Amino acid sequence: MSDLTDKKTVTVQRTVLFGDCDPEGIVYTPRFSYFAVEAIQDALAIWLNDKPNEESKQAKKIGGLRKLMNYGILPPARAFSLEFHHPVTWDDELSIKVWVCQITERSFSFQVEAWLETSRLSDAQNILAFTAKITQVCVSRENHQSIPLPGDLRERLSSLLI
């Protein structure tokens, strides 16, 4: 599920599963990369939806990665940074906010913020749990060489740039 009140950002809700955690119930470090990438994929599925009246839940079924690839590119990650701000535990509810933060000739970047409304480990509320930035490059599907962003994709992502 996502919040579409601000079309330049998408907020994805995610419940931390038992399998995401170590025996103490704290999320395994590598799982945060999955949380970030999955939220970006969900956001792209909504942003690149060509049927604006289609429900966001239905749009996500097609998948953001497939929608990106429909522009004739492969989008491997060139850079990924992750910063931890607060521990996340089993059954925590994350609100993961995603937006487009940078576009270059051959790449595009997403910023991610994950928030906890409450935590079993703190009395605080509305806690920043982690932040991430992911940069993806455009690679030709035919020869796997870097190529400029296709014009129509550049236009769509530029309209989302914050």
N, C-alpha and C. Protein backbone atom coordinates (compact mmCIF):
# COMPACT_ATOMS: atom_id res chain seq x y z
N MET A 1 0.83 -1.18 0.00
CA MET A 1 0.00 0.00 0.00
C MET A 1 0.87 1.24 0.00
N SER A 2 0.41 2.29 -0.61
CA SER A 2 1.20 3.51 -0.66
C SER A 2 0.29 4.72 -0.54
N ASP A 3 0.93 5.83 -0.21
CA ASP A 3 0.23 7.09 -0.06
C ASP A 3 0.52 7.91 -1.30
N LEU A 4 -0.53 8.29 -2.05
CA LEU A 4 -0.34 9.04 -3.28
C LEU A 4 -0.73 10.51 -3.12
N THR A 5 -0.78 11.02 -1.90
CA THR A 5 -1.18 12.40 -1.72
C THR A 5 -0.16 13.35 -2.34
N ASP A 6 1.09 13.00 -2.34
CA ASP A 6 2.13 13.78 -3.00
C ASP A 6 2.71 12.88 -4.08
N LYS A 7 2.42 13.18 -5.35
CA LYS A 7 2.81 12.28 -6.43
C LYS A 7 4.32 12.18 -6.61
N LYS A 8 5.08 13.10 -6.06
CA LYS A 8 6.53 13.03 -6.19
C LYS A 8 7.17 12.11 -5.16
N THR A 9 6.40 11.67 -4.20
CA THR A 9 6.89 10.70 -3.23
C THR A 9 5.88 9.56 -3.14
N VAL A 10 6.39 8.40 -2.81
CA VAL A 10 5.54 7.25 -2.55
C VAL A 10 5.97 6.70 -1.21
N THR A 11 5.00 6.40 -0.37
CA THR A 11 5.29 5.80 0.93
C THR A 11 4.72 4.39 0.94
N VAL A 12 5.61 3.44 1.17
CA VAL A 12 5.27 2.02 1.18
C VAL A 12 5.27 1.54 2.63
N GLN A 13 4.25 0.82 3.00
CA GLN A 13 4.17 0.24 4.34
C GLN A 13 4.74 -1.18 4.29
N ARG A 14 5.57 -1.51 5.27
CA ARG A 14 6.15 -2.85 5.33
C ARG A 14 6.23 -3.32 6.76
N THR A 15 5.74 -4.51 7.00
CA THR A 15 5.85 -5.14 8.32
C THR A 15 7.10 -6.01 8.32
N VAL A 16 7.91 -5.88 9.35
CA VAL A 16 9.12 -6.69 9.48
C VAL A 16 8.71 -8.11 9.85
N LEU A 17 9.19 -9.06 9.07
CA LEU A 17 8.85 -10.46 9.27
C LEU A 17 9.89 -11.15 10.16
N PHE A 18 9.49 -12.27 10.74
CA PHE A 18 10.38 -13.07 11.58
C PHE A 18 11.65 -13.44 10.81
N GLY A 19 11.51 -13.81 9.54
CA GLY A 19 12.65 -14.21 8.72
C GLY A 19 13.61 -13.08 8.39
N ASP A 20 13.20 -11.83 8.64
CA ASP A 20 14.08 -10.68 8.41
C ASP A 20 15.05 -10.47 9.57
N CYS A 21 14.87 -11.24 10.65
CA CYS A 21 15.55 -10.93 11.91
C CYS A 21 16.50 -12.03 12.37
N ASP A 22 17.43 -11.63 13.24
CA ASP A 22 18.32 -12.57 13.91
C ASP A 22 17.58 -13.20 15.09
N PRO A 23 18.22 -14.13 15.81
CA PRO A 23 17.52 -14.77 16.94
C PRO A 23 17.06 -13.82 18.04
N GLU A 24 17.66 -12.63 18.12
CA GLU A 24 17.24 -11.65 19.13
C GLU A 24 16.08 -10.78 18.65
N GLY A 25 15.65 -10.99 17.40
CA GLY A 25 14.52 -10.23 16.87
C GLY A 25 14.90 -8.90 16.24
N ILE A 26 16.20 -8.66 16.00
CA ILE A 26 16.67 -7.44 15.35
C ILE A 26 16.89 -7.74 13.87
N VAL A 27 16.50 -6.81 13.00
CA VAL A 27 16.62 -7.03 11.55
C VAL A 27 18.09 -7.24 11.17
N TYR A 28 18.33 -8.28 10.36
CA TYR A 28 19.66 -8.53 9.80
C TYR A 28 20.06 -7.34 8.94
N THR A 29 21.29 -6.92 9.04
CA THR A 29 21.79 -5.76 8.29
C THR A 29 21.48 -5.86 6.79
N PRO A 30 21.76 -6.97 6.11
CA PRO A 30 21.50 -7.00 4.66
C PRO A 30 20.03 -6.84 4.27
N ARG A 31 19.12 -7.13 5.16
CA ARG A 31 17.70 -7.02 4.83
C ARG A 31 17.29 -5.58 4.54
N PHE A 32 18.02 -4.61 5.12
CA PHE A 32 17.66 -3.21 4.88
C PHE A 32 17.80 -2.87 3.40
N SER A 33 18.78 -3.48 2.72
CA SER A 33 18.92 -3.22 1.28
C SER A 33 17.69 -3.74 0.54
N TYR A 34 17.17 -4.90 0.96
CA TYR A 34 15.95 -5.43 0.34
C TYR A 34 14.79 -4.47 0.58
N PHE A 35 14.65 -3.98 1.81
CA PHE A 35 13.55 -3.06 2.12
C PHE A 35 13.60 -1.85 1.19
N ALA A 36 14.81 -1.27 1.01
CA ALA A 36 14.96 -0.08 0.18
C ALA A 36 14.65 -0.39 -1.29
N VAL A 37 15.24 -1.45 -1.81
CA VAL A 37 15.04 -1.79 -3.22
C VAL A 37 13.58 -2.15 -3.50
N GLU A 38 12.96 -2.91 -2.62
CA GLU A 38 11.56 -3.27 -2.81
C GLU A 38 10.65 -2.03 -2.79
N ALA A 39 10.95 -1.08 -1.93
CA ALA A 39 10.15 0.15 -1.88
C ALA A 39 10.32 0.96 -3.16
N ILE A 40 11.55 1.01 -3.68
CA ILE A 40 11.79 1.71 -4.95
C ILE A 40 11.02 1.03 -6.08
N GLN A 41 11.05 -0.30 -6.11
CA GLN A 41 10.32 -1.04 -7.15
C GLN A 41 8.82 -0.73 -7.08
N ASP A 42 8.28 -0.69 -5.86
CA ASP A 42 6.86 -0.37 -5.70
C ASP A 42 6.56 1.05 -6.16
N ALA A 43 7.45 1.99 -5.83
CA ALA A 43 7.27 3.38 -6.25
C ALA A 43 7.31 3.49 -7.77
N LEU A 44 8.27 2.82 -8.40
CA LEU A 44 8.37 2.86 -9.86
C LEU A 44 7.13 2.28 -10.52
N ALA A 45 6.57 1.23 -9.94
CA ALA A 45 5.36 0.62 -10.50
C ALA A 45 4.22 1.63 -10.52
N ILE A 46 4.19 2.49 -9.54
CA ILE A 46 3.15 3.53 -9.47
C ILE A 46 3.49 4.69 -10.39
N TRP A 47 4.73 5.19 -10.30
CA TRP A 47 5.12 6.34 -11.12
C TRP A 47 5.08 6.07 -12.61
N LEU A 48 5.44 4.86 -13.01
CA LEU A 48 5.50 4.54 -14.43
C LEU A 48 4.23 3.88 -14.93
N ASN A 49 3.16 3.97 -14.15
CA ASN A 49 1.88 3.40 -14.52
C ASN A 49 1.26 4.24 -15.63
N ASP A 50 0.99 3.61 -16.75
CA ASP A 50 0.39 4.33 -17.87
C ASP A 50 -1.13 4.37 -17.82
N LYS A 51 -1.71 3.74 -16.79
CA LYS A 51 -3.16 3.74 -16.61
C LYS A 51 -3.46 4.44 -15.29
N PRO A 52 -3.56 5.78 -15.30
CA PRO A 52 -3.69 6.52 -14.04
C PRO A 52 -4.88 6.14 -13.18
N ASN A 53 -5.92 5.58 -13.75
CA ASN A 53 -7.08 5.20 -12.94
C ASN A 53 -6.94 3.82 -12.32
N GLU A 54 -5.89 3.09 -12.72
CA GLU A 54 -5.65 1.76 -12.17
C GLU A 54 -5.22 1.89 -10.72
N GLU A 55 -5.77 1.06 -9.85
CA GLU A 55 -5.41 1.10 -8.44
C GLU A 55 -3.94 0.82 -8.27
N SER A 56 -3.31 1.48 -7.28
CA SER A 56 -1.88 1.27 -7.05
C SER A 56 -1.56 -0.17 -6.73
N LYS A 57 -2.45 -0.87 -6.06
CA LYS A 57 -2.22 -2.28 -5.74
C LYS A 57 -2.12 -3.09 -7.03
N GLN A 58 -2.99 -2.80 -7.98
CA GLN A 58 -2.96 -3.48 -9.26
C GLN A 58 -1.70 -3.11 -10.04
N ALA A 59 -1.29 -1.84 -9.97
CA ALA A 59 -0.11 -1.38 -10.69
C ALA A 59 1.13 -2.10 -10.21
N LYS A 60 1.21 -2.38 -8.91
CA LYS A 60 2.39 -3.04 -8.35
C LYS A 60 2.56 -4.46 -8.88
N LYS A 61 1.48 -5.09 -9.33
CA LYS A 61 1.58 -6.45 -9.83
C LYS A 61 2.49 -6.54 -11.05
N ILE A 62 2.51 -5.50 -11.85
CA ILE A 62 3.35 -5.49 -13.04
C ILE A 62 4.81 -5.33 -12.64
N GLY A 63 5.09 -4.57 -11.62
CA GLY A 63 6.44 -4.43 -11.10
C GLY A 63 7.21 -3.29 -11.72
N GLY A 64 7.86 -2.52 -10.83
CA GLY A 64 8.62 -1.36 -11.28
C GLY A 64 9.82 -1.70 -12.14
N LEU A 65 10.48 -2.81 -11.84
CA LEU A 65 11.65 -3.20 -12.63
C LEU A 65 11.24 -3.52 -14.07
N ARG A 66 10.16 -4.24 -14.22
CA ARG A 66 9.68 -4.55 -15.58
C ARG A 66 9.27 -3.28 -16.32
N LYS A 67 8.67 -2.35 -15.61
CA LYS A 67 8.27 -1.09 -16.25
C LYS A 67 9.51 -0.30 -16.71
N LEU A 68 10.57 -0.32 -15.89
CA LEU A 68 11.82 0.32 -16.29
C LEU A 68 12.39 -0.35 -17.53
N MET A 69 12.39 -1.67 -17.52
CA MET A 69 12.95 -2.41 -18.65
C MET A 69 12.15 -2.22 -19.92
N ASN A 70 10.87 -1.83 -19.79
CA ASN A 70 10.06 -1.54 -20.97
C ASN A 70 10.56 -0.31 -21.72
N TYR A 71 11.45 0.46 -21.10
CA TYR A 71 12.06 1.60 -21.78
C TYR A 71 13.29 1.18 -22.56
N GLY A 72 13.54 -0.13 -22.65
CA GLY A 72 14.65 -0.65 -23.44
C GLY A 72 15.98 -0.64 -22.72
N ILE A 73 15.94 -0.56 -21.40
CA ILE A 73 17.19 -0.52 -20.63
C ILE A 73 17.23 -1.64 -19.59
N LEU A 74 18.44 -1.90 -19.15
CA LEU A 74 18.67 -2.67 -17.92
C LEU A 74 19.14 -1.65 -16.90
N PRO A 75 18.66 -1.69 -15.66
CA PRO A 75 19.02 -0.65 -14.68
C PRO A 75 19.87 -1.16 -13.50
N PRO A 76 21.10 -1.63 -13.76
CA PRO A 76 21.90 -2.09 -12.62
C PRO A 76 22.24 -0.95 -11.66
N ALA A 77 22.45 -1.30 -10.42
CA ALA A 77 22.85 -0.30 -9.43
C ALA A 77 24.33 0.04 -9.62
N ARG A 78 24.65 1.32 -9.57
CA ARG A 78 26.03 1.79 -9.63
C ARG A 78 26.53 2.16 -8.24
N ALA A 79 25.60 2.64 -7.43
CA ALA A 79 25.97 3.06 -6.07
C ALA A 79 24.81 2.79 -5.13
N PHE A 80 25.17 2.44 -3.90
CA PHE A 80 24.17 2.17 -2.88
C PHE A 80 24.76 2.58 -1.54
N SER A 81 24.08 3.46 -0.83
CA SER A 81 24.54 3.83 0.51
C SER A 81 23.37 3.65 1.48
N LEU A 82 23.71 3.26 2.69
CA LEU A 82 22.71 2.97 3.69
C LEU A 82 23.23 3.46 5.03
N GLU A 83 22.38 4.16 5.76
CA GLU A 83 22.75 4.64 7.09
C GLU A 83 21.67 4.22 8.08
N PHE A 84 22.12 3.62 9.17
CA PHE A 84 21.20 3.15 10.20
C PHE A 84 21.04 4.22 11.27
N HIS A 85 19.80 4.47 11.68
CA HIS A 85 19.51 5.49 12.68
C HIS A 85 18.89 4.91 13.95
N HIS A 86 18.19 3.78 13.81
CA HIS A 86 17.52 3.18 14.97
C HIS A 86 17.31 1.69 14.69
N PRO A 87 17.48 0.82 15.69
CA PRO A 87 17.24 -0.60 15.45
C PRO A 87 15.78 -0.87 15.06
N VAL A 88 15.61 -1.86 14.22
CA VAL A 88 14.29 -2.27 13.76
C VAL A 88 14.10 -3.72 14.19
N THR A 89 12.93 -4.03 14.72
CA THR A 89 12.68 -5.36 15.27
C THR A 89 11.50 -6.04 14.61
N TRP A 90 11.39 -7.33 14.90
CA TRP A 90 10.31 -8.16 14.38
C TRP A 90 8.95 -7.54 14.70
N ASP A 91 8.07 -7.53 13.73
CA ASP A 91 6.72 -6.99 13.79
C ASP A 91 6.66 -5.46 13.76
N ASP A 92 7.79 -4.77 13.68
CA ASP A 92 7.75 -3.32 13.51
C ASP A 92 7.09 -3.00 12.17
N GLU A 93 6.40 -1.87 12.15
CA GLU A 93 5.77 -1.39 10.93
C GLU A 93 6.59 -0.22 10.40
N LEU A 94 7.20 -0.42 9.23
CA LEU A 94 7.98 0.63 8.60
C LEU A 94 7.14 1.39 7.59
N SER A 95 7.28 2.70 7.57
CA SER A 95 6.75 3.54 6.51
C SER A 95 7.97 3.99 5.72
N ILE A 96 8.09 3.50 4.50
CA ILE A 96 9.29 3.75 3.69
C ILE A 96 8.94 4.74 2.59
N LYS A 97 9.52 5.91 2.68
CA LYS A 97 9.25 7.00 1.74
C LYS A 97 10.34 7.02 0.67
N VAL A 98 9.93 7.12 -0.60
CA VAL A 98 10.85 7.08 -1.74
C VAL A 98 10.61 8.29 -2.63
N TRP A 99 11.70 8.87 -3.13
CA TRP A 99 11.58 9.93 -4.13
C TRP A 99 12.80 9.94 -5.04
N VAL A 100 12.63 10.53 -6.21
CA VAL A 100 13.73 10.70 -7.17
C VAL A 100 14.53 11.90 -6.71
N CYS A 101 15.84 11.72 -6.52
CA CYS A 101 16.65 12.82 -5.98
C CYS A 101 17.72 13.34 -6.94
N GLN A 102 18.01 12.60 -8.01
CA GLN A 102 19.05 13.06 -8.93
C GLN A 102 18.90 12.35 -10.27
N ILE A 103 19.16 13.10 -11.34
CA ILE A 103 19.16 12.54 -12.69
C ILE A 103 20.38 13.09 -13.41
N THR A 104 21.13 12.20 -14.03
CA THR A 104 22.27 12.63 -14.85
C THR A 104 22.03 12.13 -16.28
N GLU A 105 23.02 12.29 -17.13
CA GLU A 105 22.86 11.86 -18.52
C GLU A 105 22.58 10.36 -18.63
N ARG A 106 23.21 9.56 -17.76
CA ARG A 106 23.10 8.11 -17.88
C ARG A 106 22.62 7.41 -16.61
N SER A 107 22.20 8.17 -15.61
CA SER A 107 21.80 7.52 -14.36
C SER A 107 20.66 8.30 -13.69
N PHE A 108 20.07 7.64 -12.71
CA PHE A 108 19.02 8.26 -11.90
C PHE A 108 19.14 7.69 -10.50
N SER A 109 18.82 8.53 -9.50
CA SER A 109 18.99 8.13 -8.10
C SER A 109 17.70 8.32 -7.32
N PHE A 110 17.55 7.46 -6.32
CA PHE A 110 16.40 7.49 -5.43
C PHE A 110 16.88 7.67 -4.00
N GLN A 111 16.15 8.47 -3.25
CA GLN A 111 16.39 8.62 -1.82
C GLN A 111 15.30 7.86 -1.09
N VAL A 112 15.67 7.20 -0.01
CA VAL A 112 14.74 6.40 0.78
C VAL A 112 14.88 6.79 2.24
N GLU A 113 13.75 6.99 2.91
CA GLU A 113 13.70 7.18 4.36
C GLU A 113 12.70 6.20 4.94
N ALA A 114 13.11 5.47 5.96
CA ALA A 114 12.20 4.54 6.62
C ALA A 114 11.94 5.01 8.03
N TRP A 115 10.68 5.08 8.38
CA TRP A 115 10.24 5.60 9.67
C TRP A 115 9.46 4.55 10.45
N LEU A 116 9.62 4.60 11.75
CA LEU A 116 8.83 3.80 12.68
C LEU A 116 7.92 4.74 13.45
N GLU A 117 6.65 4.43 13.52
CA GLU A 117 5.74 5.26 14.32
C GLU A 117 6.11 5.12 15.80
N THR A 118 6.35 3.88 16.21
CA THR A 118 6.79 3.59 17.58
C THR A 118 7.81 2.46 17.52
N SER A 119 8.48 2.23 18.64
CA SER A 119 9.48 1.17 18.72
C SER A 119 9.40 0.50 20.09
N ARG A 120 9.60 -0.81 20.10
CA ARG A 120 9.66 -1.52 21.37
C ARG A 120 10.94 -1.19 22.13
N LEU A 121 11.91 -0.59 21.44
CA LEU A 121 13.21 -0.31 22.04
C LEU A 121 13.36 1.13 22.51
N SER A 122 12.33 1.94 22.33
CA SER A 122 12.43 3.36 22.67
C SER A 122 11.04 3.90 23.00
N ASP A 123 10.99 4.96 23.80
CA ASP A 123 9.72 5.63 24.09
C ASP A 123 9.41 6.70 23.04
N ALA A 124 10.35 6.95 22.15
CA ALA A 124 10.16 7.98 21.13
C ALA A 124 9.09 7.55 20.13
N GLN A 125 8.59 8.54 19.38
CA GLN A 125 7.63 8.28 18.32
C GLN A 125 8.13 8.92 17.04
N ASN A 126 7.62 8.41 15.91
CA ASN A 126 8.05 8.89 14.59
C ASN A 126 9.57 8.92 14.49
N ILE A 127 10.14 7.73 14.52
CA ILE A 127 11.59 7.55 14.60
C ILE A 127 12.14 7.24 13.21
N LEU A 128 13.17 7.97 12.80
CA LEU A 128 13.87 7.66 11.56
C LEU A 128 14.68 6.39 11.79
N ALA A 129 14.37 5.32 11.07
CA ALA A 129 15.03 4.04 11.27
C ALA A 129 16.27 3.90 10.38
N PHE A 130 16.13 4.22 9.08
CA PHE A 130 17.28 4.17 8.19
C PHE A 130 17.03 5.06 6.98
N THR A 131 18.13 5.44 6.34
CA THR A 131 18.08 6.18 5.08
C THR A 131 18.94 5.43 4.07
N ALA A 132 18.62 5.60 2.81
CA ALA A 132 19.40 4.96 1.75
C ALA A 132 19.34 5.83 0.50
N LYS A 133 20.35 5.68 -0.33
CA LYS A 133 20.37 6.30 -1.65
C LYS A 133 20.87 5.24 -2.62
N ILE A 134 20.13 5.08 -3.71
CA ILE A 134 20.50 4.09 -4.72
C ILE A 134 20.56 4.80 -6.07
N THR A 135 21.67 4.62 -6.77
CA THR A 135 21.84 5.17 -8.11
C THR A 135 21.87 4.01 -9.10
N GLN A 136 21.04 4.11 -10.12
CA GLN A 136 20.99 3.10 -11.17
C GLN A 136 21.44 3.73 -12.48
N VAL A 137 22.13 2.95 -13.30
CA VAL A 137 22.59 3.42 -14.60
C VAL A 137 21.76 2.76 -15.69
N CYS A 138 21.74 3.40 -16.84
CA CYS A 138 21.05 2.84 -17.99
C CYS A 138 22.05 2.04 -18.81
N VAL A 139 21.72 0.79 -19.03
CA VAL A 139 22.56 -0.12 -19.80
C VAL A 139 21.73 -0.67 -20.94
N SER A 140 22.32 -0.75 -22.12
CA SER A 140 21.65 -1.29 -23.29
C SER A 140 21.35 -2.77 -23.07
N ARG A 141 20.15 -3.17 -23.43
CA ARG A 141 19.78 -4.59 -23.33
C ARG A 141 20.51 -5.42 -24.38
N GLU A 142 20.90 -4.80 -25.48
CA GLU A 142 21.55 -5.53 -26.57
C GLU A 142 23.03 -5.80 -26.29
N ASN A 143 23.77 -4.75 -25.88
CA ASN A 143 25.23 -4.94 -25.75
C ASN A 143 25.75 -4.70 -24.34
N HIS A 144 24.89 -4.43 -23.41
CA HIS A 144 25.24 -4.24 -22.00
C HIS A 144 26.23 -3.09 -21.78
N GLN A 145 26.17 -2.09 -22.65
CA GLN A 145 27.00 -0.89 -22.51
C GLN A 145 26.15 0.25 -21.95
N SER A 146 26.80 1.15 -21.24
CA SER A 146 26.12 2.31 -20.70
C SER A 146 25.56 3.17 -21.83
N ILE A 147 24.32 3.63 -21.66
CA ILE A 147 23.67 4.48 -22.66
C ILE A 147 23.00 5.65 -21.95
N PRO A 148 22.73 6.73 -22.69
CA PRO A 148 21.98 7.84 -22.09
C PRO A 148 20.56 7.42 -21.71
N LEU A 149 20.01 8.09 -20.73
CA LEU A 149 18.62 7.85 -20.33
C LEU A 149 17.72 8.05 -21.54
N PRO A 150 16.84 7.11 -21.84
CA PRO A 150 15.88 7.34 -22.92
C PRO A 150 15.06 8.60 -22.62
N GLY A 151 14.78 9.37 -23.66
CA GLY A 151 14.10 10.66 -23.48
C GLY A 151 12.78 10.57 -22.74
N ASP A 152 11.96 9.57 -23.07
CA ASP A 152 10.66 9.47 -22.40
C ASP A 152 10.81 9.10 -20.93
N LEU A 153 11.81 8.29 -20.60
CA LEU A 153 12.06 7.95 -19.19
C LEU A 153 12.62 9.17 -18.45
N ARG A 154 13.52 9.90 -19.10
CA ARG A 154 14.07 11.12 -18.50
C ARG A 154 12.95 12.10 -18.18
N GLU A 155 12.02 12.25 -19.11
CA GLU A 155 10.90 13.18 -18.92
C GLU A 155 10.06 12.76 -17.71
N ARG A 156 9.75 11.49 -17.62
CA ARG A 156 8.92 11.01 -16.49
C ARG A 156 9.64 11.17 -15.17
N LEU A 157 10.91 10.77 -15.11
CA LEU A 157 11.64 10.88 -13.84
C LEU A 157 11.89 12.34 -13.48
N SER A 158 12.15 13.19 -14.47
CA SER A 158 12.38 14.61 -14.21
C SER A 158 11.15 15.26 -13.59
N SER A 159 9.97 14.83 -13.99
CA SER A 159 8.75 15.40 -13.42
C SER A 159 8.57 15.03 -11.94
N LEU A 160 9.33 14.03 -11.48
CA LEU A 160 9.25 13.57 -10.09
C LEU A 160 10.38 14.10 -9.22
N LEU A 161 11.35 14.72 -9.85
CA LEU A 161 12.57 15.15 -9.14
C LEU A 161 12.25 16.13 -8.01
N ILE A 162 12.79 15.84 -6.84
CA ILE A 162 12.64 16.74 -5.69
C ILE A 162 13.99 17.36 -5.38
